[in-house]
Amino acid sequence: MLGTDHVGLTVLDLERSKALFVETLGFRVRGHDEDYPAYFLTNGETTITLWRATDPGSAVRFDRHRNVGLHHLALAVASFDALDALHERLRGVEGVVIEFPPELAYGGPAKHMMFREPSGNRIELIHRPSP
């Protein structure tokens, strides 16, 4: 194994979720498939594929306590200041739910936050300072 190639997330509103990743989290669109429909996003380090649920109106949301599957996606950020700035930006994004603001992760020294993107997928942002 060489590592993770990409992570795929099913979303309810493809355009809204893409906007969050591009406009707020700094990803860029690498590709788009209108037939599937899907966006392929990258930040140069991580690739994320967003697929629209076939029928968003009847889609069942993931419950991390009862379902087997992706508990959350954790994305590394460059600094504590970057983490705090992203938290402030996310607070103003419609449809985003902040589960908890930046705080020490398990006593530190890492600091993280957790939010749900507009479709409910849980995303963690974390900074681990170098020792």
N, C-alpha and C. Protein backbone atom coordinates (compact mmCIF):
# COMPACT_ATOMS: atom_id res chain seq x y z
N MET A 1 0.84 -1.19 0.00
CA MET A 1 0.00 0.00 0.00
C MET A 1 0.87 1.25 0.00
N LEU A 2 0.44 2.24 -0.75
CA LEU A 2 1.18 3.48 -0.84
C LEU A 2 0.57 4.61 -0.02
N GLY A 3 -0.68 4.49 0.35
CA GLY A 3 -1.37 5.56 1.08
C GLY A 3 -2.76 5.74 0.53
N THR A 4 -3.43 6.74 0.99
CA THR A 4 -4.80 7.02 0.56
C THR A 4 -4.77 7.79 -0.76
N ASP A 5 -5.47 7.30 -1.76
CA ASP A 5 -5.56 8.00 -3.03
C ASP A 5 -6.60 9.11 -2.97
N HIS A 6 -7.78 8.79 -2.46
CA HIS A 6 -8.83 9.79 -2.31
C HIS A 6 -9.88 9.29 -1.33
N VAL A 7 -10.72 10.20 -0.89
CA VAL A 7 -11.86 9.88 -0.04
C VAL A 7 -13.10 10.33 -0.79
N GLY A 8 -14.10 9.47 -0.87
CA GLY A 8 -15.35 9.80 -1.54
C GLY A 8 -16.45 10.02 -0.54
N LEU A 9 -17.17 11.11 -0.67
CA LEU A 9 -18.30 11.44 0.21
C LEU A 9 -19.57 11.60 -0.62
N THR A 10 -20.64 11.00 -0.17
CA THR A 10 -21.95 11.20 -0.80
C THR A 10 -22.58 12.42 -0.15
N VAL A 11 -23.12 13.32 -0.97
CA VAL A 11 -23.71 14.55 -0.47
C VAL A 11 -25.11 14.74 -1.04
N LEU A 12 -25.88 15.57 -0.38
CA LEU A 12 -27.24 15.86 -0.82
C LEU A 12 -27.28 16.95 -1.88
N ASP A 13 -26.51 18.01 -1.67
CA ASP A 13 -26.49 19.16 -2.57
C ASP A 13 -25.05 19.31 -3.07
N LEU A 14 -24.79 18.80 -4.24
CA LEU A 14 -23.44 18.74 -4.78
C LEU A 14 -22.81 20.12 -4.90
N GLU A 15 -23.55 21.08 -5.40
CA GLU A 15 -22.99 22.42 -5.60
C GLU A 15 -22.67 23.10 -4.27
N ARG A 16 -23.53 22.92 -3.30
CA ARG A 16 -23.32 23.55 -1.99
C ARG A 16 -22.11 22.94 -1.28
N SER A 17 -21.97 21.62 -1.34
CA SER A 17 -20.83 20.97 -0.71
C SER A 17 -19.54 21.32 -1.43
N LYS A 18 -19.59 21.37 -2.77
CA LYS A 18 -18.40 21.77 -3.54
C LYS A 18 -17.98 23.18 -3.15
N ALA A 19 -18.94 24.08 -3.02
CA ALA A 19 -18.64 25.47 -2.66
C ALA A 19 -17.94 25.54 -1.31
N LEU A 20 -18.37 24.73 -0.35
CA LEU A 20 -17.72 24.73 0.96
C LEU A 20 -16.26 24.32 0.83
N PHE A 21 -16.00 23.23 0.13
CA PHE A 21 -14.63 22.75 -0.01
C PHE A 21 -13.76 23.72 -0.79
N VAL A 22 -14.30 24.35 -1.83
CA VAL A 22 -13.52 25.25 -2.67
C VAL A 22 -13.39 26.62 -2.03
N GLU A 23 -14.50 27.24 -1.68
CA GLU A 23 -14.49 28.63 -1.22
C GLU A 23 -14.02 28.79 0.22
N THR A 24 -14.25 27.80 1.06
CA THR A 24 -13.89 27.93 2.48
C THR A 24 -12.64 27.14 2.85
N LEU A 25 -12.51 25.92 2.34
CA LEU A 25 -11.41 25.06 2.75
C LEU A 25 -10.22 25.09 1.79
N GLY A 26 -10.33 25.77 0.68
CA GLY A 26 -9.19 25.98 -0.20
C GLY A 26 -8.89 24.87 -1.20
N PHE A 27 -9.84 23.98 -1.45
CA PHE A 27 -9.66 22.96 -2.48
C PHE A 27 -9.92 23.58 -3.85
N ARG A 28 -9.50 22.89 -4.90
CA ARG A 28 -9.82 23.31 -6.26
C ARG A 28 -10.45 22.14 -6.99
N VAL A 29 -11.23 22.44 -7.99
CA VAL A 29 -11.88 21.39 -8.78
C VAL A 29 -10.86 20.81 -9.75
N ARG A 30 -10.65 19.51 -9.66
CA ARG A 30 -9.75 18.80 -10.56
C ARG A 30 -10.52 18.17 -11.72
N GLY A 31 -11.79 17.91 -11.50
CA GLY A 31 -12.62 17.31 -12.53
C GLY A 31 -14.08 17.30 -12.12
N HIS A 32 -14.94 16.98 -13.09
CA HIS A 32 -16.39 16.98 -12.84
C HIS A 32 -17.01 15.95 -13.76
N ASP A 33 -17.94 15.18 -13.25
CA ASP A 33 -18.66 14.20 -14.06
C ASP A 33 -20.15 14.52 -13.95
N GLU A 34 -20.71 15.10 -14.99
CA GLU A 34 -22.12 15.49 -14.96
C GLU A 34 -23.05 14.29 -14.98
N ASP A 35 -22.61 13.17 -15.55
CA ASP A 35 -23.47 11.99 -15.63
C ASP A 35 -23.62 11.28 -14.29
N TYR A 36 -22.60 11.36 -13.44
CA TYR A 36 -22.65 10.57 -12.20
C TYR A 36 -23.58 11.17 -11.16
N PRO A 37 -23.73 12.38 -10.83
CA PRO A 37 -22.85 13.52 -10.95
C PRO A 37 -21.84 13.59 -9.77
N ALA A 38 -20.66 14.13 -10.06
CA ALA A 38 -19.60 14.17 -9.05
C ALA A 38 -18.62 15.30 -9.35
N TYR A 39 -17.95 15.76 -8.30
CA TYR A 39 -16.81 16.67 -8.41
C TYR A 39 -15.61 15.97 -7.81
N PHE A 40 -14.45 16.19 -8.42
CA PHE A 40 -13.19 15.67 -7.92
C PHE A 40 -12.37 16.88 -7.49
N LEU A 41 -12.06 16.96 -6.21
CA LEU A 41 -11.42 18.13 -5.63
C LEU A 41 -10.06 17.77 -5.06
N THR A 42 -9.14 18.74 -5.07
CA THR A 42 -7.83 18.51 -4.47
C THR A 42 -7.32 19.81 -3.86
N ASN A 43 -6.47 19.65 -2.86
CA ASN A 43 -5.74 20.79 -2.31
C ASN A 43 -4.25 20.61 -2.55
N GLY A 44 -3.89 19.67 -3.41
CA GLY A 44 -2.50 19.37 -3.69
C GLY A 44 -1.95 18.24 -2.85
N GLU A 45 -2.58 17.97 -1.74
CA GLU A 45 -2.17 16.89 -0.83
C GLU A 45 -3.23 15.80 -0.74
N THR A 46 -4.47 16.22 -0.70
CA THR A 46 -5.61 15.33 -0.49
C THR A 46 -6.60 15.48 -1.63
N THR A 47 -7.15 14.37 -2.08
CA THR A 47 -8.20 14.40 -3.09
C THR A 47 -9.49 13.91 -2.46
N ILE A 48 -10.55 14.66 -2.70
CA ILE A 48 -11.87 14.31 -2.19
C ILE A 48 -12.82 14.27 -3.38
N THR A 49 -13.59 13.20 -3.45
CA THR A 49 -14.62 13.10 -4.47
C THR A 49 -15.97 13.30 -3.78
N LEU A 50 -16.77 14.20 -4.33
CA LEU A 50 -18.12 14.43 -3.84
C LEU A 50 -19.09 13.87 -4.86
N TRP A 51 -19.94 12.94 -4.43
CA TRP A 51 -20.98 12.37 -5.29
C TRP A 51 -22.33 12.81 -4.76
N ARG A 52 -23.24 13.15 -5.66
CA ARG A 52 -24.60 13.49 -5.23
C ARG A 52 -25.38 12.20 -5.03
N ALA A 53 -26.10 12.14 -3.91
CA ALA A 53 -26.99 11.00 -3.68
C ALA A 53 -27.98 10.91 -4.84
N THR A 54 -28.31 9.69 -5.25
CA THR A 54 -29.21 9.49 -6.39
C THR A 54 -30.53 10.21 -6.19
N ASP A 55 -31.10 10.09 -4.99
CA ASP A 55 -32.36 10.77 -4.67
C ASP A 55 -32.17 11.49 -3.34
N PRO A 56 -31.68 12.73 -3.38
CA PRO A 56 -31.41 13.45 -2.13
C PRO A 56 -32.61 13.53 -1.20
N GLY A 57 -33.82 13.56 -1.76
CA GLY A 57 -35.02 13.67 -0.92
C GLY A 57 -35.28 12.46 -0.04
N SER A 58 -34.81 11.30 -0.47
CA SER A 58 -35.03 10.09 0.33
C SER A 58 -33.73 9.53 0.92
N ALA A 59 -32.64 10.27 0.78
CA ALA A 59 -31.35 9.79 1.30
C ALA A 59 -31.40 9.67 2.82
N VAL A 60 -30.75 8.65 3.33
CA VAL A 60 -30.68 8.42 4.77
C VAL A 60 -29.36 8.96 5.28
N ARG A 61 -29.43 9.84 6.26
CA ARG A 61 -28.21 10.43 6.81
C ARG A 61 -27.48 9.42 7.69
N PHE A 62 -26.16 9.51 7.67
CA PHE A 62 -25.30 8.63 8.45
C PHE A 62 -25.41 8.98 9.94
N ASP A 63 -25.48 7.98 10.77
CA ASP A 63 -25.47 8.15 12.23
C ASP A 63 -24.23 7.45 12.75
N ARG A 64 -23.23 8.22 13.19
CA ARG A 64 -21.95 7.65 13.58
C ARG A 64 -22.05 6.70 14.76
N HIS A 65 -23.12 6.74 15.50
CA HIS A 65 -23.30 5.85 16.65
C HIS A 65 -23.96 4.52 16.26
N ARG A 66 -24.65 4.48 15.12
CA ARG A 66 -25.40 3.28 14.75
C ARG A 66 -24.98 2.64 13.44
N ASN A 67 -24.27 3.38 12.59
CA ASN A 67 -23.90 2.86 11.28
C ASN A 67 -22.42 2.52 11.21
N VAL A 68 -22.11 1.55 10.40
CA VAL A 68 -20.73 1.27 10.08
C VAL A 68 -20.38 2.12 8.87
N GLY A 69 -19.24 2.78 8.90
CA GLY A 69 -18.85 3.63 7.79
C GLY A 69 -17.88 4.69 8.26
N LEU A 70 -17.69 5.67 7.44
CA LEU A 70 -16.75 6.74 7.74
C LEU A 70 -17.27 7.58 8.91
N HIS A 71 -16.59 7.53 10.03
CA HIS A 71 -16.97 8.28 11.22
C HIS A 71 -16.79 9.78 10.99
N HIS A 72 -15.64 10.15 10.43
CA HIS A 72 -15.38 11.53 10.04
C HIS A 72 -14.15 11.59 9.15
N LEU A 73 -13.99 12.69 8.49
CA LEU A 73 -12.82 12.96 7.66
C LEU A 73 -12.00 14.00 8.40
N ALA A 74 -10.73 13.72 8.65
CA ALA A 74 -9.85 14.66 9.35
C ALA A 74 -8.88 15.28 8.36
N LEU A 75 -8.88 16.60 8.31
CA LEU A 75 -7.99 17.34 7.41
C LEU A 75 -6.99 18.15 8.24
N ALA A 76 -5.72 18.02 7.90
CA ALA A 76 -4.67 18.75 8.61
C ALA A 76 -4.62 20.19 8.13
N VAL A 77 -4.38 21.10 9.07
CA VAL A 77 -4.18 22.50 8.72
C VAL A 77 -2.79 22.92 9.19
N ALA A 78 -2.28 24.00 8.61
CA ALA A 78 -0.87 24.37 8.77
C ALA A 78 -0.51 24.96 10.14
N SER A 79 -1.47 25.54 10.85
CA SER A 79 -1.13 26.23 12.10
C SER A 79 -2.37 26.40 12.97
N PHE A 80 -2.14 26.78 14.22
CA PHE A 80 -3.26 27.10 15.11
C PHE A 80 -4.01 28.32 14.59
N ASP A 81 -3.28 29.30 14.06
CA ASP A 81 -3.93 30.50 13.52
C ASP A 81 -4.82 30.13 12.33
N ALA A 82 -4.35 29.23 11.47
CA ALA A 82 -5.15 28.79 10.32
C ALA A 82 -6.41 28.07 10.79
N LEU A 83 -6.29 27.27 11.83
CA LEU A 83 -7.44 26.57 12.40
C LEU A 83 -8.46 27.56 12.93
N ASP A 84 -8.00 28.54 13.68
CA ASP A 84 -8.91 29.55 14.22
C ASP A 84 -9.58 30.36 13.10
N ALA A 85 -8.82 30.69 12.06
CA ALA A 85 -9.38 31.46 10.94
C ALA A 85 -10.43 30.64 10.19
N LEU A 86 -10.18 29.34 9.99
CA LEU A 86 -11.17 28.49 9.34
C LEU A 86 -12.42 28.37 10.19
N HIS A 87 -12.27 28.28 11.49
CA HIS A 87 -13.44 28.23 12.38
C HIS A 87 -14.30 29.47 12.18
N GLU A 88 -13.67 30.63 12.14
CA GLU A 88 -14.42 31.88 11.95
C GLU A 88 -15.13 31.89 10.59
N ARG A 89 -14.46 31.43 9.55
CA ARG A 89 -15.08 31.40 8.22
C ARG A 89 -16.25 30.42 8.20
N LEU A 90 -16.06 29.25 8.79
CA LEU A 90 -17.10 28.22 8.79
C LEU A 90 -18.35 28.68 9.52
N ARG A 91 -18.18 29.50 10.55
CA ARG A 91 -19.33 30.00 11.32
C ARG A 91 -20.30 30.77 10.43
N GLY A 92 -19.80 31.33 9.34
CA GLY A 92 -20.65 32.12 8.45
C GLY A 92 -21.16 31.37 7.23
N VAL A 93 -20.86 30.07 7.12
CA VAL A 93 -21.28 29.31 5.94
C VAL A 93 -22.63 28.66 6.20
N GLU A 94 -23.61 29.00 5.39
CA GLU A 94 -24.96 28.45 5.54
C GLU A 94 -24.93 26.93 5.42
N GLY A 95 -25.61 26.27 6.33
CA GLY A 95 -25.71 24.83 6.31
C GLY A 95 -24.63 24.10 7.08
N VAL A 96 -23.59 24.80 7.48
CA VAL A 96 -22.52 24.20 8.27
C VAL A 96 -22.92 24.22 9.75
N VAL A 97 -22.72 23.08 10.42
CA VAL A 97 -23.00 22.99 11.85
C VAL A 97 -21.67 22.72 12.56
N ILE A 98 -21.30 23.61 13.45
CA ILE A 98 -20.06 23.43 14.22
C ILE A 98 -20.40 22.54 15.42
N GLU A 99 -19.76 21.38 15.50
CA GLU A 99 -19.96 20.50 16.66
C GLU A 99 -19.21 21.03 17.87
N PHE A 100 -17.96 21.42 17.66
CA PHE A 100 -17.21 22.10 18.71
C PHE A 100 -16.13 22.95 18.07
N PRO A 101 -15.83 24.11 18.70
CA PRO A 101 -14.82 25.02 18.16
C PRO A 101 -13.41 24.48 18.45
N PRO A 102 -12.39 25.15 17.95
CA PRO A 102 -11.03 24.69 18.20
C PRO A 102 -10.74 24.51 19.70
N GLU A 103 -10.19 23.34 19.99
CA GLU A 103 -9.83 23.00 21.38
C GLU A 103 -8.68 22.00 21.34
N LEU A 104 -8.02 21.84 22.49
CA LEU A 104 -6.95 20.86 22.57
C LEU A 104 -7.51 19.47 22.30
N ALA A 105 -6.78 18.69 21.54
CA ALA A 105 -7.19 17.31 21.25
C ALA A 105 -6.56 16.39 22.28
N TYR A 106 -7.39 15.79 23.09
CA TYR A 106 -6.94 14.82 24.08
C TYR A 106 -5.79 15.36 24.94
N GLY A 107 -5.91 16.60 25.37
CA GLY A 107 -4.91 17.20 26.24
C GLY A 107 -3.76 17.90 25.52
N GLY A 108 -3.75 17.86 24.21
CA GLY A 108 -2.73 18.57 23.44
C GLY A 108 -1.50 17.73 23.17
N PRO A 109 -0.55 18.22 22.45
CA PRO A 109 -0.45 19.61 21.99
C PRO A 109 -1.27 19.91 20.74
N ALA A 110 -1.85 18.89 20.10
CA ALA A 110 -2.68 19.13 18.92
C ALA A 110 -3.94 19.88 19.31
N LYS A 111 -4.47 20.63 18.36
CA LYS A 111 -5.71 21.36 18.55
C LYS A 111 -6.61 21.02 17.36
N HIS A 112 -7.90 20.81 17.63
CA HIS A 112 -8.81 20.43 16.54
C HIS A 112 -10.18 21.03 16.75
N MET A 113 -11.00 20.89 15.71
CA MET A 113 -12.42 21.27 15.77
C MET A 113 -13.18 20.28 14.91
N MET A 114 -14.49 20.22 15.09
CA MET A 114 -15.33 19.30 14.32
C MET A 114 -16.54 20.08 13.81
N PHE A 115 -16.88 19.84 12.54
CA PHE A 115 -18.09 20.45 11.98
C PHE A 115 -18.74 19.47 11.01
N ARG A 116 -19.99 19.77 10.67
CA ARG A 116 -20.71 19.00 9.66
C ARG A 116 -20.90 19.90 8.44
N GLU A 117 -20.52 19.36 7.28
CA GLU A 117 -20.74 20.12 6.04
C GLU A 117 -22.24 20.07 5.75
N PRO A 118 -22.72 20.82 4.76
CA PRO A 118 -24.17 20.94 4.55
C PRO A 118 -24.95 19.63 4.40
N SER A 119 -24.32 18.55 3.98
CA SER A 119 -25.02 17.26 3.88
C SER A 119 -24.94 16.44 5.16
N GLY A 120 -24.21 16.93 6.14
CA GLY A 120 -24.11 16.23 7.42
C GLY A 120 -22.84 15.42 7.61
N ASN A 121 -21.97 15.33 6.60
CA ASN A 121 -20.72 14.61 6.78
C ASN A 121 -19.86 15.34 7.81
N ARG A 122 -19.31 14.56 8.76
CA ARG A 122 -18.49 15.14 9.83
C ARG A 122 -17.06 15.34 9.32
N ILE A 123 -16.54 16.54 9.56
CA ILE A 123 -15.18 16.88 9.14
C ILE A 123 -14.45 17.48 10.33
N GLU A 124 -13.27 16.94 10.57
CA GLU A 124 -12.40 17.44 11.63
C GLU A 124 -11.29 18.23 10.97
N LEU A 125 -10.96 19.38 11.54
CA LEU A 125 -9.79 20.15 11.14
C LEU A 125 -8.81 20.08 12.30
N ILE A 126 -7.55 19.74 12.03
CA ILE A 126 -6.60 19.53 13.12
C ILE A 126 -5.22 20.06 12.75
N HIS A 127 -4.57 20.63 13.76
CA HIS A 127 -3.16 21.02 13.61
C HIS A 127 -2.37 20.31 14.69
N ARG A 128 -1.34 19.58 14.25
CA ARG A 128 -0.42 18.90 15.16
C ARG A 128 0.94 19.61 15.03
N PRO A 129 1.34 20.38 16.05
CA PRO A 129 2.63 21.08 15.94
C PRO A 129 3.78 20.08 15.95
N SER A 130 4.84 20.47 15.27
CA SER A 130 6.04 19.63 15.25
C SER A 130 6.65 19.58 16.65
N PRO A 131 7.20 18.41 17.01
CA PRO A 131 7.80 18.29 18.36
C PRO A 131 9.05 19.14 18.51
